[in-house]
Amino acid sequence: MKATVLVRLKSEVLDPQGDAVRHALTKLGFAGVAGVRIGKLIEIELEGSAEATAGADLRARLAKMADEMLANPVTEDFEIQL
C-alpha cells in the first residue's frame, strides 16, 4: 500500500522560493500568476494490503512520521493521503 504525505509551508511563513518561481513565470510570459507556494510530496510504500493497514492507527503512525521526521512542525503543515 502507498501513502502520500504532502508538506507545505504554513501560510504565515514567507516562501522566497515560491516568489522566485512566480517571478520567473511572469518573465516567461505566463500572465495572471498571483502567487506560488513550494512544498514537498513524499510517497511511502507500506507493507501489507490496504485492508490490513487502513484505519486510524495507520493515520496516527503516518502523522507521527510526518511530525517527527518529514515536516518541521514550526514552519510546515502536512496532509496525509491514503
C-alpha atoms as a PDB file:
ATOM      1  CA  MET A   1       0.000   0.000   0.000  1.00  0.00           C
ATOM      2  CA  LYS A   2       1.190   3.511  -0.766  1.00  0.00           C
ATOM      3  CA  ALA A   3       0.592   6.582   1.396  1.00  0.00           C
ATOM      4  CA  THR A   4       1.330  10.155   0.396  1.00  0.00           C
ATOM      5  CA  VAL A   5       2.352  12.941   2.744  1.00  0.00           C
ATOM      6  CA  LEU A   6       2.037  16.491   1.404  1.00  0.00           C
ATOM      7  CA  VAL A   7       4.173  19.025   3.273  1.00  0.00           C
ATOM      8  CA  ARG A   8       3.547  22.730   2.806  1.00  0.00           C
ATOM      9  CA  LEU A   9       4.815  25.877   4.444  1.00  0.00           C
ATOM     10  CA  LYS A  10       2.361  27.418   6.860  1.00  0.00           C
ATOM     11  CA  SER A  11       0.529  30.376   5.333  1.00  0.00           C
ATOM     12  CA  GLU A  12       2.242  32.872   7.642  1.00  0.00           C
ATOM     13  CA  VAL A  13       5.744  31.687   6.641  1.00  0.00           C
ATOM     14  CA  LEU A  14       7.406  33.577   3.782  1.00  0.00           C
ATOM     15  CA  ASP A  15       8.260  31.468   0.732  1.00  0.00           C
ATOM     16  CA  PRO A  16      11.184  33.050  -1.172  1.00  0.00           C
ATOM     17  CA  GLN A  17      11.473  30.010  -3.450  1.00  0.00           C
ATOM     18  CA  GLY A  18       7.804  30.345  -4.401  1.00  0.00           C
ATOM     19  CA  ASP A  19       8.284  34.077  -5.011  1.00  0.00           C
ATOM     20  CA  ALA A  20      11.237  33.341  -7.311  1.00  0.00           C
ATOM     21  CA  VAL A  21       9.165  30.824  -9.297  1.00  0.00           C
ATOM     22  CA  ARG A  22       6.249  33.291  -9.566  1.00  0.00           C
ATOM     23  CA  HIS A  23       8.620  35.984 -10.804  1.00  0.00           C
ATOM     24  CA  ALA A  24      10.198  33.615 -13.358  1.00  0.00           C
ATOM     25  CA  LEU A  25       6.780  32.507 -14.651  1.00  0.00           C
ATOM     26  CA  THR A  26       5.789  36.144 -15.145  1.00  0.00           C
ATOM     27  CA  LYS A  27       9.053  36.856 -17.037  1.00  0.00           C
ATOM     28  CA  LEU A  28       8.357  33.837 -19.256  1.00  0.00           C
ATOM     29  CA  GLY A  29       5.028  35.349 -20.251  1.00  0.00           C
ATOM     30  CA  PHE A  30       2.637  33.410 -18.023  1.00  0.00           C
ATOM     31  CA  ALA A  31       0.302  36.212 -17.025  1.00  0.00           C
ATOM     32  CA  GLY A  32      -2.054  36.079 -14.074  1.00  0.00           C
ATOM     33  CA  VAL A  33       0.111  34.105 -11.632  1.00  0.00           C
ATOM     34  CA  ALA A  34      -0.704  35.796  -8.335  1.00  0.00           C
ATOM     35  CA  GLY A  35       1.344  33.542  -6.075  1.00  0.00           C
ATOM     36  CA  VAL A  36       3.307  30.312  -5.848  1.00  0.00           C
ATOM     37  CA  ARG A  37       3.977  28.199  -2.760  1.00  0.00           C
ATOM     38  CA  ILE A  38       6.571  25.400  -2.863  1.00  0.00           C
ATOM     39  CA  GLY A  39       6.076  22.169  -0.920  1.00  0.00           C
ATOM     40  CA  LYS A  40       7.113  18.527  -0.808  1.00  0.00           C
ATOM     41  CA  LEU A  41       5.317  15.341  -1.826  1.00  0.00           C
ATOM     42  CA  ILE A  42       6.552  12.218  -0.027  1.00  0.00           C
ATOM     43  CA  GLU A  43       5.355   8.744  -1.070  1.00  0.00           C
ATOM     44  CA  ILE A  44       5.735   5.959   1.480  1.00  0.00           C
ATOM     45  CA  GLU A  45       5.342   2.329   0.464  1.00  0.00           C
ATOM     46  CA  LEU A  46       3.864   0.332   3.349  1.00  0.00           C
ATOM     47  CA  GLU A  47       3.965  -3.423   3.777  1.00  0.00           C
ATOM     48  CA  GLY A  48       0.658  -5.281   3.717  1.00  0.00           C
ATOM     49  CA  SER A  49      -2.649  -4.807   1.953  1.00  0.00           C
ATOM     50  CA  ALA A  50      -4.793  -1.706   2.123  1.00  0.00           C
ATOM     51  CA  GLU A  51      -7.322  -3.516   4.318  1.00  0.00           C
ATOM     52  CA  ALA A  52      -4.659  -4.681   6.775  1.00  0.00           C
ATOM     53  CA  THR A  53      -3.002  -1.290   7.126  1.00  0.00           C
ATOM     54  CA  ALA A  54      -6.009   1.028   6.843  1.00  0.00           C
ATOM     55  CA  GLY A  55      -7.616   2.869   9.705  1.00  0.00           C
ATOM     56  CA  ALA A  56      -6.962   5.369  12.435  1.00  0.00           C
ATOM     57  CA  ASP A  57      -3.870   3.510  13.664  1.00  0.00           C
ATOM     58  CA  LEU A  58      -2.186   3.874  10.267  1.00  0.00           C
ATOM     59  CA  ARG A  59      -3.042   7.575  10.097  1.00  0.00           C
ATOM     60  CA  ALA A  60      -1.615   8.019  13.594  1.00  0.00           C
ATOM     61  CA  ARG A  61       1.631   6.255  12.577  1.00  0.00           C
ATOM     62  CA  LEU A  62       1.954   8.385   9.448  1.00  0.00           C
ATOM     63  CA  ALA A  63       1.207  11.562  11.414  1.00  0.00           C
ATOM     64  CA  LYS A  64       3.946  10.618  13.884  1.00  0.00           C
ATOM     65  CA  MET A  65       6.378  10.052  10.989  1.00  0.00           C
ATOM     66  CA  ALA A  66       5.478  13.416   9.486  1.00  0.00           C
ATOM     67  CA  ASP A  67       5.622  15.269  12.789  1.00  0.00           C
ATOM     68  CA  GLU A  68       8.979  13.792  13.853  1.00  0.00           C
ATOM     69  CA  MET A  69      10.821  13.456  10.547  1.00  0.00           C
ATOM     70  CA  LEU A  70       9.107  14.554   7.346  1.00  0.00           C
ATOM     71  CA  ALA A  71       7.908  18.037   8.275  1.00  0.00           C
ATOM     72  CA  ASN A  72       9.077  20.831  10.535  1.00  0.00           C
ATOM     73  CA  PRO A  73       6.036  21.460  12.761  1.00  0.00           C
ATOM     74  CA  VAL A  74       7.178  25.021  13.469  1.00  0.00           C
ATOM     75  CA  THR A  75       7.076  26.157   9.840  1.00  0.00           C
ATOM     76  CA  GLU A  76       5.190  23.432   7.935  1.00  0.00           C
ATOM     77  CA  ASP A  77       1.813  21.725   7.846  1.00  0.00           C
ATOM     78  CA  PHE A  78       1.252  18.251   6.430  1.00  0.00           C
ATOM     79  CA  GLU A  79      -1.611  16.301   4.921  1.00  0.00           C
ATOM     80  CA  ILE A  80      -1.845  12.507   4.722  1.00  0.00           C
ATOM     81  CA  GLN A  81      -3.469  10.810   1.745  1.00  0.00           C
ATOM     82  CA  LEU A  82      -4.122   7.074   1.659  1.00  0.00           C
END
